[in-house]
């Protein structure tokens, strides 16, 4: 990169400014590229987090359903015991009436 000093002076830029710009421009491009890569990976991570959140929510809903079924099962067992007690009482009444 051979630049004529007269051209540089005519353009209004100092040779040191050109050197600094050429040194920084490569770094700035790599920083810009890194930022873009970070944004892309952030988008991918956000999508994965959303999927995980949905899976966790579905699993929690399933567990809640199972817990509610457990409560219903206990209620059914209590009702079954009451029905058994009523059947025994009914059988005693029938046997007492038939004697």
PDB file of N, CA and C in Angstrom:
ATOM      1  N   UNK A   1       0.845  -1.153   0.000  1.00  0.00           N
ATOM      2  CA  UNK A   1       0.000   0.000   0.000  1.00  0.00           C
ATOM      3  C   UNK A   1       0.899   1.227   0.000  1.00  0.00           C
ATOM      4  N   UNK A   2       1.225   1.670  -1.148  1.00  0.00           N
ATOM      5  CA  UNK A   2       2.112   2.812  -1.315  1.00  0.00           C
ATOM      6  C   UNK A   2       1.254   4.028  -1.634  1.00  0.00           C
ATOM      7  N   UNK A   3       1.155   4.953  -0.668  1.00  0.00           N
ATOM      8  CA  UNK A   3       0.311   6.134  -0.832  1.00  0.00           C
ATOM      9  C   UNK A   3       1.210   7.349  -0.980  1.00  0.00           C
ATOM     10  N   UNK A   4       0.873   8.142  -1.949  1.00  0.00           N
ATOM     11  CA  UNK A   4       1.624   9.378  -2.182  1.00  0.00           C
ATOM     12  C   UNK A   4       1.253  10.387  -1.101  1.00  0.00           C
ATOM     13  N   UNK A   5       2.260  10.966  -0.455  1.00  0.00           N
ATOM     14  CA  UNK A   5       2.004  11.912   0.632  1.00  0.00           C
ATOM     15  C   UNK A   5       1.307  13.163   0.139  1.00  0.00           C
ATOM     16  N   UNK A   6       1.524  13.512  -1.102  1.00  0.00           N
ATOM     17  CA  UNK A   6       0.850  14.691  -1.667  1.00  0.00           C
ATOM     18  C   UNK A   6      -0.651  14.433  -1.761  1.00  0.00           C
ATOM     19  N   UNK A   7      -1.055  13.196  -2.170  1.00  0.00           N
ATOM     20  CA  UNK A   7      -2.475  12.849  -2.255  1.00  0.00           C
ATOM     21  C   UNK A   7      -3.118  12.888  -0.880  1.00  0.00           C
ATOM     22  N   UNK A   8      -2.390  12.384   0.105  1.00  0.00           N
ATOM     23  CA  UNK A   8      -2.914  12.366   1.467  1.00  0.00           C
ATOM     24  C   UNK A   8      -3.109  13.780   1.976  1.00  0.00           C
ATOM     25  N   UNK A   9      -2.151  14.632   1.719  1.00  0.00           N
ATOM     26  CA  UNK A   9      -2.244  16.018   2.166  1.00  0.00           C
ATOM     27  C   UNK A   9      -3.393  16.721   1.466  1.00  0.00           C
ATOM     28  N   UNK A  10      -3.596  16.454   0.189  1.00  0.00           N
ATOM     29  CA  UNK A  10      -4.692  17.069  -0.563  1.00  0.00           C
ATOM     30  C   UNK A  10      -6.055  16.574  -0.073  1.00  0.00           C
ATOM     31  N   UNK A  11      -6.127  15.352   0.408  1.00  0.00           N
ATOM     32  CA  UNK A  11      -7.408  14.814   0.866  1.00  0.00           C
ATOM     33  C   UNK A  11      -7.786  15.356   2.236  1.00  0.00           C
ATOM     34  N   UNK A  12      -6.862  16.005   2.903  1.00  0.00           N
ATOM     35  CA  UNK A  12      -7.173  16.589   4.201  1.00  0.00           C
ATOM     36  C   UNK A  12      -6.926  15.643   5.350  1.00  0.00           C
ATOM     37  N   UNK A  13      -6.384  14.464   5.075  1.00  0.00           N
ATOM     38  CA  UNK A  13      -6.101  13.500   6.135  1.00  0.00           C
ATOM     39  C   UNK A  13      -4.611  13.458   6.397  1.00  0.00           C
ATOM     40  N   UNK A  14      -4.301  13.370   7.622  1.00  0.00           N
ATOM     41  CA  UNK A  14      -2.900  13.267   8.019  1.00  0.00           C
ATOM     42  C   UNK A  14      -2.471  11.811   7.874  1.00  0.00           C
ATOM     43  N   UNK A  15      -1.222  11.542   7.497  1.00  0.00           N
ATOM     44  CA  UNK A  15      -0.761  10.156   7.355  1.00  0.00           C
ATOM     45  C   UNK A  15      -0.947   9.327   8.623  1.00  0.00           C
ATOM     46  N   UNK A  16      -0.810   9.940   9.772  1.00  0.00           N
ATOM     47  CA  UNK A  16      -1.014   9.187  11.022  1.00  0.00           C
ATOM     48  C   UNK A  16      -2.479   8.803  11.165  1.00  0.00           C
ATOM     49  N   UNK A  17      -3.380   9.704  10.742  1.00  0.00           N
ATOM     50  CA  UNK A  17      -4.806   9.374  10.785  1.00  0.00           C
ATOM     51  C   UNK A  17      -5.103   8.169   9.909  1.00  0.00           C
ATOM     52  N   UNK A  18      -4.499   8.126   8.743  1.00  0.00           N
ATOM     53  CA  UNK A  18      -4.699   6.979   7.854  1.00  0.00           C
ATOM     54  C   UNK A  18      -4.170   5.695   8.483  1.00  0.00           C
ATOM     55  N   UNK A  19      -3.014   5.791   9.120  1.00  0.00           N
ATOM     56  CA  UNK A  19      -2.444   4.601   9.774  1.00  0.00           C
ATOM     57  C   UNK A  19      -3.358   4.110  10.889  1.00  0.00           C
ATOM     58  N   UNK A  20      -3.818   5.039  11.706  1.00  0.00           N
ATOM     59  CA  UNK A  20      -4.714   4.664  12.812  1.00  0.00           C
ATOM     60  C   UNK A  20      -5.994   4.060  12.261  1.00  0.00           C
ATOM     61  N   UNK A  21      -6.548   4.669  11.230  1.00  0.00           N
ATOM     62  CA  UNK A  21      -7.772   4.145  10.632  1.00  0.00           C
ATOM     63  C   UNK A  21      -7.564   2.740  10.093  1.00  0.00           C
ATOM     64  N   UNK A  22      -6.454   2.528   9.391  1.00  0.00           N
ATOM     65  CA  UNK A  22      -6.219   1.200   8.816  1.00  0.00           C
ATOM     66  C   UNK A  22      -6.010   0.161   9.910  1.00  0.00           C
ATOM     67  N   UNK A  23      -5.386   0.564  11.019  1.00  0.00           N
ATOM     68  CA  UNK A  23      -5.206  -0.378  12.129  1.00  0.00           C
ATOM     69  C   UNK A  23      -6.530  -0.687  12.817  1.00  0.00           C
ATOM     70  N   UNK A  24      -7.328   0.332  13.024  1.00  0.00           N
ATOM     71  CA  UNK A  24      -8.589   0.145  13.735  1.00  0.00           C
ATOM     72  C   UNK A  24      -9.672  -0.485  12.878  1.00  0.00           C
ATOM     73  N   UNK A  25      -9.650  -0.243  11.587  1.00  0.00           N
ATOM     74  CA  UNK A  25     -10.730  -0.748  10.738  1.00  0.00           C
ATOM     75  C   UNK A  25     -10.789  -2.267  10.760  1.00  0.00           C
ATOM     76  N   UNK A  26      -9.661  -2.931  10.773  1.00  0.00           N
ATOM     77  CA  UNK A  26      -9.670  -4.395  10.848  1.00  0.00           C
ATOM     78  C   UNK A  26     -10.259  -4.853  12.174  1.00  0.00           C
ATOM     79  N   UNK A  27      -9.856  -4.202  13.256  1.00  0.00           N
ATOM     80  CA  UNK A  27     -10.393  -4.563  14.565  1.00  0.00           C
ATOM     81  C   UNK A  27     -11.886  -4.287  14.653  1.00  0.00           C
ATOM     82  N   UNK A  28     -12.311  -3.166  14.090  1.00  0.00           N
ATOM     83  CA  UNK A  28     -13.728  -2.831  14.125  1.00  0.00           C
ATOM     84  C   UNK A  28     -14.556  -3.837  13.338  1.00  0.00           C
ATOM     85  N   UNK A  29     -14.049  -4.276  12.203  1.00  0.00           N
ATOM     86  CA  UNK A  29     -14.768  -5.274  11.411  1.00  0.00           C
ATOM     87  C   UNK A  29     -14.888  -6.586  12.172  1.00  0.00           C
ATOM     88  N   UNK A  30     -13.811  -6.990  12.829  1.00  0.00           N
ATOM     89  CA  UNK A  30     -13.878  -8.247  13.581  1.00  0.00           C
ATOM     90  C   UNK A  30     -14.809  -8.109  14.783  1.00  0.00           C
ATOM     91  N   UNK A  31     -14.823  -6.936  15.408  1.00  0.00           N
ATOM     92  CA  UNK A  31     -15.747  -6.711  16.519  1.00  0.00           C
ATOM     93  C   UNK A  31     -17.186  -6.746  16.011  1.00  0.00           C
ATOM     94  N   UNK A  32     -17.445  -6.115  14.884  1.00  0.00           N
ATOM     95  CA  UNK A  32     -18.784  -6.112  14.301  1.00  0.00           C
ATOM     96  C   UNK A  32     -19.228  -7.538  13.972  1.00  0.00           C
ATOM     97  N   UNK A  33     -18.317  -8.318  13.405  1.00  0.00           N
ATOM     98  CA  UNK A  33     -18.634  -9.705  13.077  1.00  0.00           C
ATOM     99  C   UNK A  33     -18.913 -10.507  14.350  1.00  0.00           C
ATOM    100  N   UNK A  34     -18.127 -10.284  15.383  1.00  0.00           N
ATOM    101  CA  UNK A  34     -18.345 -10.985  16.652  1.00  0.00           C
ATOM    102  C   UNK A  34     -19.695 -10.625  17.261  1.00  0.00           C
ATOM    103  N   UNK A  35     -20.049  -9.349  17.165  1.00  0.00           N
ATOM    104  CA  UNK A  35     -21.346  -8.921  17.694  1.00  0.00           C
ATOM    105  C   UNK A  35     -22.478  -9.596  16.932  1.00  0.00           C
ATOM    106  N   UNK A  36     -22.360  -9.687  15.623  1.00  0.00           N
ATOM    107  CA  UNK A  36     -23.393 -10.361  14.828  1.00  0.00           C
ATOM    108  C   UNK A  36     -23.496 -11.836  15.193  1.00  0.00           C
ATOM    109  N   UNK A  37     -22.358 -12.487  15.387  1.00  0.00           N
ATOM    110  CA  UNK A  37     -22.375 -13.895  15.782  1.00  0.00           C
ATOM    111  C   UNK A  37     -23.018 -14.066  17.154  1.00  0.00           C
ATOM    112  N   UNK A  38     -22.736 -13.140  18.063  1.00  0.00           N
ATOM    113  CA  UNK A  38     -23.356 -13.198  19.385  1.00  0.00           C
ATOM    114  C   UNK A  38     -24.868 -13.029  19.296  1.00  0.00           C
ATOM    115  N   UNK A  39     -25.317 -12.131  18.439  1.00  0.00           N
ATOM    116  CA  UNK A  39     -26.765 -11.932  18.274  1.00  0.00           C
ATOM    117  C   UNK A  39     -27.429 -13.192  17.729  1.00  0.00           C
ATOM    118  N   UNK A  40     -26.775 -13.824  16.765  1.00  0.00           N
ATOM    119  CA  UNK A  40     -27.336 -15.050  16.198  1.00  0.00           C
ATOM    120  C   UNK A  40     -27.406 -16.150  17.251  1.00  0.00           C
ATOM    121  N   UNK A  41     -26.326 -16.303  18.017  1.00  0.00           N
ATOM    122  CA  UNK A  41     -26.335 -17.349  19.041  1.00  0.00           C
ATOM    123  C   UNK A  41     -27.342 -17.016  20.138  1.00  0.00           C
ATOM    124  N   UNK A  42     -27.528 -15.735  20.423  1.00  0.00           N
ATOM    125  CA  UNK A  42     -28.518 -15.333  21.412  1.00  0.00           C
ATOM    126  C   UNK A  42     -29.922 -15.704  20.929  1.00  0.00           C
ATOM    127  N   UNK A  43     -30.188 -15.502  19.655  1.00  0.00           N
ATOM    128  CA  UNK A  43     -31.497 -15.859  19.105  1.00  0.00           C
ATOM    129  C   UNK A  43     -31.730 -17.362  19.210  1.00  0.00           C
ATOM    130  N   UNK A  44     -30.708 -18.144  18.912  1.00  0.00           N
ATOM    131  CA  UNK A  44     -30.831 -19.603  19.011  1.00  0.00           C
ATOM    132  C   UNK A  44     -31.074 -20.012  20.460  1.00  0.00           C
ATOM    133  N   UNK A  45     -30.344 -19.405  21.379  1.00  0.00           N
ATOM    134  CA  UNK A  45     -30.517 -19.725  22.798  1.00  0.00           C
ATOM    135  C   UNK A  45     -31.913 -19.358  23.290  1.00  0.00           C
ATOM    136  N   UNK A  46     -32.429 -18.237  22.817  1.00  0.00           N
ATOM    137  CA  UNK A  46     -33.778 -17.834  23.214  1.00  0.00           C
ATOM    138  C   UNK A  46     -34.799 -18.856  22.730  1.00  0.00           C
ATOM    139  N   UNK A  47     -34.643 -19.332  21.509  1.00  0.00           N
ATOM    140  CA  UNK A  47     -35.565 -20.345  20.990  1.00  0.00           C
ATOM    141  C   UNK A  47     -35.484 -21.630  21.803  1.00  0.00           C
ATOM    142  N   UNK A  48     -34.271 -22.044  22.147  1.00  0.00           N
ATOM    143  CA  UNK A  48     -34.105 -23.254  22.953  1.00  0.00           C
ATOM    144  C   UNK A  48     -34.711 -23.077  24.340  1.00  0.00           C
ATOM    145  N   UNK A  49     -34.540 -21.902  24.922  1.00  0.00           N
ATOM    146  CA  UNK A  49     -35.134 -21.640  26.237  1.00  0.00           C
ATOM    147  C   UNK A  49     -36.660 -21.681  26.175  1.00  0.00           C
ATOM    148  N   UNK A  50     -37.228 -21.152  25.098  1.00  0.00           N
ATOM    149  CA  UNK A  50     -38.682 -21.194  24.949  1.00  0.00           C
ATOM    150  C   UNK A  50     -39.171 -22.634  24.852  1.00  0.00           C
ATOM    151  N   UNK A  51     -38.444 -23.461  24.096  1.00  0.00           N
ATOM    152  CA  UNK A  51     -38.828 -24.870  23.982  1.00  0.00           C
ATOM    153  C   UNK A  51     -38.742 -25.565  25.333  1.00  0.00           C
ATOM    154  N   UNK A  52     -37.661 -25.299  26.071  1.00  0.00           N
ATOM    155  CA  UNK A  52     -37.510 -25.900  27.394  1.00  0.00           C
ATOM    156  C   UNK A  52     -38.614 -25.440  28.339  1.00  0.00           C
ATOM    157  N   UNK A  53     -38.947 -24.160  28.267  1.00  0.00           N
ATOM    158  CA  UNK A  53     -40.010 -23.635  29.128  1.00  0.00           C
ATOM    159  C   UNK A  53     -41.330 -24.323  28.814  1.00  0.00           C
ATOM    160  N   UNK A  54     -41.627 -24.515  27.526  1.00  0.00           N
ATOM    161  CA  UNK A  54     -42.867 -25.183  27.141  1.00  0.00           C
ATOM    162  C   UNK A  54     -42.884 -26.623  27.629  1.00  0.00           C
ATOM    163  N   UNK A  55     -41.745 -27.314  27.496  1.00  0.00           N
ATOM    164  CA  UNK A  55     -41.678 -28.696  27.972  1.00  0.00           C
ATOM    165  C   UNK A  55     -41.883 -28.765  29.476  1.00  0.00           C
ATOM    166  N   UNK A  56     -41.251 -27.856  30.207  1.00  0.00           N
ATOM    167  CA  UNK A  56     -41.411 -27.832  31.665  1.00  0.00           C
ATOM    168  C   UNK A  56     -42.857 -27.532  32.046  1.00  0.00           C
ATOM    169  N   UNK A  57     -43.480 -26.614  31.325  1.00  0.00           N
ATOM    170  CA  UNK A  57     -44.874 -26.271  31.612  1.00  0.00           C
ATOM    171  C   UNK A  57     -45.780 -27.466  31.342  1.00  0.00           C
ATOM    172  N   UNK A  58     -45.546 -28.165  30.232  1.00  0.00           N
ATOM    173  CA  UNK A  58     -46.343 -29.346  29.921  1.00  0.00           C
ATOM    174  C   UNK A  58     -46.175 -30.418  30.990  1.00  0.00           C
ATOM    175  N   UNK A  59     -44.933 -30.619  31.421  1.00  0.00           N
ATOM    176  CA  UNK A  59     -44.674 -31.624  32.453  1.00  0.00           C
ATOM    177  C   UNK A  59     -45.343 -31.229  33.767  1.00  0.00           C
ATOM    178  N   UNK A  60     -45.286 -29.951  34.115  1.00  0.00           N
ATOM    179  CA  UNK A  60     -45.937 -29.482  35.342  1.00  0.00           C
ATOM    180  C   UNK A  60     -47.445 -29.671  35.257  1.00  0.00           C
ATOM    181  N   UNK A  61     -48.022 -29.382  34.095  1.00  0.00           N
ATOM    182  CA  UNK A  61     -49.457 -29.593  33.908  1.00  0.00           C
ATOM    183  C   UNK A  61     -49.815 -31.062  34.079  1.00  0.00           C
ATOM    184  N   UNK A  62     -48.980 -31.941  33.526  1.00  0.00           N
ATOM    185  CA  UNK A  62     -49.225 -33.377  33.652  1.00  0.00           C
ATOM    186  C   UNK A  62     -49.151 -33.807  35.115  1.00  0.00           C
ATOM    187  N   UNK A  63     -48.154 -33.302  35.831  1.00  0.00           N
ATOM    188  CA  UNK A  63     -48.033 -33.635  37.254  1.00  0.00           C
ATOM    189  C   UNK A  63     -49.231 -33.121  38.041  1.00  0.00           C
ATOM    190  N   UNK A  64     -49.692 -31.933  37.704  1.00  0.00           N
ATOM    191  CA  UNK A  64     -50.868 -31.390  38.387  1.00  0.00           C
ATOM    192  C   UNK A  64     -52.096 -32.255  38.138  1.00  0.00           C
ATOM    193  N   UNK A  65     -52.236 -32.748  36.910  1.00  0.00           N
ATOM    194  CA  UNK A  65     -53.363 -33.632  36.600  1.00  0.00           C
ATOM    195  C   UNK A  65     -53.271 -34.911  37.414  1.00  0.00           C
ATOM    196  N   UNK A  66     -52.055 -35.470  37.518  1.00  0.00           N
ATOM    197  CA  UNK A  66     -51.879 -36.700  38.288  1.00  0.00           C
ATOM    198  C   UNK A  66     -52.199 -36.466  39.759  1.00  0.00           C
ATOM    199  N   UNK A  67     -51.802 -35.311  40.288  1.00  0.00           N
ATOM    200  CA  UNK A  67     -52.107 -35.009  41.684  1.00  0.00           C
ATOM    201  C   UNK A  67     -53.606 -34.873  41.896  1.00  0.00           C
ATOM    202  N   UNK A  68     -54.290 -34.253  40.953  1.00  0.00           N
ATOM    203  CA  UNK A  68     -55.733 -34.124  41.088  1.00  0.00           C
ATOM    204  C   UNK A  68     -56.389 -35.485  40.991  1.00  0.00           C
ATOM    205  N   UNK A  69     -55.863 -36.348  40.151  1.00  0.00           N
ATOM    206  CA  UNK A  69     -56.400 -37.703  40.070  1.00  0.00           C
ATOM    207  C   UNK A  69     -56.163 -38.440  41.377  1.00  0.00           C
ATOM    208  N   UNK A  70     -55.048 -38.186  42.026  1.00  0.00           N
ATOM    209  CA  UNK A  70     -54.773 -38.808  43.321  1.00  0.00           C
ATOM    210  C   UNK A  70     -55.814 -38.390  44.342  1.00  0.00           C
ATOM    211  N   UNK A  71     -56.195 -37.120  44.347  1.00  0.00           N
ATOM    212  CA  UNK A  71     -57.238 -36.636  45.251  1.00  0.00           C
ATOM    213  C   UNK A  71     -58.574 -37.303  44.939  1.00  0.00           C
ATOM    214  N   UNK A  72     -58.871 -37.431  43.671  1.00  0.00           N
ATOM    215  CA  UNK A  72     -60.124 -38.074  43.266  1.00  0.00           C
ATOM    216  C   UNK A  72     -60.134 -39.548  43.658  1.00  0.00           C
ATOM    217  N   UNK A  73     -58.994 -40.196  43.555  1.00  0.00           N
ATOM    218  CA  UNK A  73     -58.899 -41.604  43.944  1.00  0.00           C
ATOM    219  C   UNK A  73     -59.178 -41.758  45.435  1.00  0.00           C
ATOM    220  N   UNK A  74     -58.618 -40.879  46.252  1.00  0.00           N
ATOM    221  CA  UNK A  74     -58.890 -40.923  47.693  1.00  0.00           C
ATOM    222  C   UNK A  74     -60.375 -40.710  47.975  1.00  0.00           C
ATOM    223  N   UNK A  75     -60.971 -39.787  47.269  1.00  0.00           N
ATOM    224  CA  UNK A  75     -62.402 -39.526  47.446  1.00  0.00           C
ATOM    225  C   UNK A  75     -63.235 -40.749  47.058  1.00  0.00           C
ATOM    226  N   UNK A  76     -62.837 -41.404  45.966  1.00  0.00           N
ATOM    227  CA  UNK A  76     -63.556 -42.613  45.546  1.00  0.00           C
ATOM    228  C   UNK A  76     -63.405 -43.731  46.571  1.00  0.00           C
ATOM    229  N   UNK A  77     -62.221 -43.860  47.164  1.00  0.00           N
ATOM    230  CA  UNK A  77     -62.017 -44.892  48.187  1.00  0.00           C
ATOM    231  C   UNK A  77     -62.908 -44.635  49.402  1.00  0.00           C
ATOM    232  N   UNK A  78     -63.024 -43.375  49.814  1.00  0.00           N
ATOM    233  CA  UNK A  78     -63.896 -43.034  50.939  1.00  0.00           C
ATOM    234  C   UNK A  78     -65.351 -43.369  50.610  1.00  0.00           C
ATOM    235  N   UNK A  79     -65.758 -43.015  49.391  1.00  0.00           N
ATOM    236  CA  UNK A  79     -67.129 -43.325  48.970  1.00  0.00           C
ATOM    237  C   UNK A  79     -67.370 -44.831  48.931  1.00  0.00           C
ATOM    238  N   UNK A  80     -66.356 -45.581  48.491  1.00  0.00           N
ATOM    239  CA  UNK A  80     -66.490 -47.036  48.441  1.00  0.00           C
ATOM    240  C   UNK A  80     -66.682 -47.611  49.853  1.00  0.00           C
ATOM    241  N   UNK A  81     -65.933 -47.079  50.815  1.00  0.00           N
ATOM    242  CA  UNK A  81     -66.090 -47.544  52.203  1.00  0.00           C
ATOM    243  C   UNK A  81     -67.488 -47.220  52.731  1.00  0.00           C
ATOM    244  N   UNK A  82     -68.001 -46.035  52.390  1.00  0.00           N
ATOM    245  CA  UNK A  82     -69.352 -45.674  52.824  1.00  0.00           C
ATOM    246  C   UNK A  82     -70.389 -46.602  52.207  1.00  0.00           C
ATOM    247  N   UNK A  83     -70.218 -46.896  50.915  1.00  0.00           N
ATOM    248  CA  UNK A  83     -71.151 -47.798  50.230  1.00  0.00           C
ATOM    249  C   UNK A  83     -71.089 -49.182  50.860  1.00  0.00           C
ATOM    250  N   UNK A  84     -69.881 -49.672  51.166  1.00  0.00           N
ATOM    251  CA  UNK A  84     -69.739 -50.981  51.815  1.00  0.00           C
ATOM    252  C   UNK A  84     -70.443 -50.995  53.169  1.00  0.00           C
ATOM    253  N   UNK A  85     -70.281 -49.924  53.937  1.00  0.00           N
ATOM    254  CA  UNK A  85     -70.941 -49.844  55.245  1.00  0.00           C
ATOM    255  C   UNK A  85     -72.457 -49.835  55.079  1.00  0.00           C
ATOM    256  N   UNK A  86     -72.963 -49.088  54.084  1.00  0.00           N
ATOM    257  CA  UNK A  86     -74.408 -49.056  53.834  1.00  0.00           C
ATOM    258  C   UNK A  86     -74.927 -50.417  53.383  1.00  0.00           C
ATOM    259  N   UNK A  87     -74.153 -51.128  52.570  1.00  0.00           N
ATOM    260  CA  UNK A  87     -74.574 -52.463  52.125  1.00  0.00           C
ATOM    261  C   UNK A  87     -74.652 -53.429  53.304  1.00  0.00           C
ATOM    262  N   UNK A  88     -73.685 -53.363  54.194  1.00  0.00           N
ATOM    263  CA  UNK A  88     -73.720 -54.236  55.382  1.00  0.00           C
ATOM    264  C   UNK A  88     -74.938 -53.920  56.240  1.00  0.00           C
ATOM    265  N   UNK A  89     -75.215 -52.628  56.424  1.00  0.00           N
ATOM    266  CA  UNK A  89     -76.377 -52.234  57.221  1.00  0.00           C
ATOM    267  C   UNK A  89     -77.660 -52.713  56.547  1.00  0.00           C
ATOM    268  N   UNK A  90     -77.734 -52.575  55.225  1.00  0.00           N
ATOM    269  CA  UNK A  90     -78.906 -53.025  54.472  1.00  0.00           C
ATOM    270  C   UNK A  90     -79.087 -54.534  54.619  1.00  0.00           C
ATOM    271  N   UNK A  91     -77.989 -55.299  54.513  1.00  0.00           N
ATOM    272  CA  UNK A  91     -78.081 -56.761  54.656  1.00  0.00           C
ATOM    273  C   UNK A  91     -78.561 -57.137  56.055  1.00  0.00           C
ATOM    274  N   UNK A  92     -78.105 -56.415  57.076  1.00  0.00           N
ATOM    275  CA  UNK A  92     -78.566 -56.699  58.439  1.00  0.00           C
ATOM    276  C   UNK A  92     -80.052 -56.391  58.577  1.00  0.00           C
ATOM    277  N   UNK A  93     -80.488 -55.292  57.943  1.00  0.00           N
ATOM    278  CA  UNK A  93     -81.902 -54.935  58.013  1.00  0.00           C
ATOM    279  C   UNK A  93     -82.756 -55.978  57.298  1.00  0.00           C
ATOM    280  N   UNK A  94     -82.291 -56.425  56.125  1.00  0.00           N
ATOM    281  CA  UNK A  94     -83.042 -57.434  55.367  1.00  0.00           C
ATOM    282  C   UNK A  94     -83.112 -58.731  56.166  1.00  0.00           C
ATOM    283  N   UNK A  95     -82.002 -59.136  56.771  1.00  0.00           N
ATOM    284  CA  UNK A  95     -82.008 -60.384  57.542  1.00  0.00           C
ATOM    285  C   UNK A  95     -82.874 -60.239  58.793  1.00  0.00           C
ATOM    286  N   UNK A  96     -82.930 -59.051  59.389  1.00  0.00           N
ATOM    287  CA  UNK A  96     -83.770 -58.841  60.568  1.00  0.00           C
ATOM    288  C   UNK A  96     -85.250 -58.868  60.185  1.00  0.00           C
ATOM    289  N   UNK A  97     -85.607 -58.336  59.034  1.00  0.00           N
ATOM    290  CA  UNK A  97     -86.994 -58.306  58.583  1.00  0.00           C
ATOM    291  C   UNK A  97     -87.447 -59.706  58.185  1.00  0.00           C
ATOM    292  N   UNK A  98     -86.566 -60.483  57.586  1.00  0.00           N
ATOM    293  CA  UNK A  98     -86.950 -61.811  57.104  1.00  0.00           C
ATOM    294  C   UNK A  98     -87.058 -62.820  58.245  1.00  0.00           C
ATOM    295  N   UNK A  99     -86.598 -62.552  59.438  1.00  0.00           N
ATOM    296  CA  UNK A  99     -86.685 -63.500  60.560  1.00  0.00           C
ATOM    297  C   UNK A  99     -88.009 -63.504  61.168  1.00  0.00           C
TER     298      UNK A  99
END
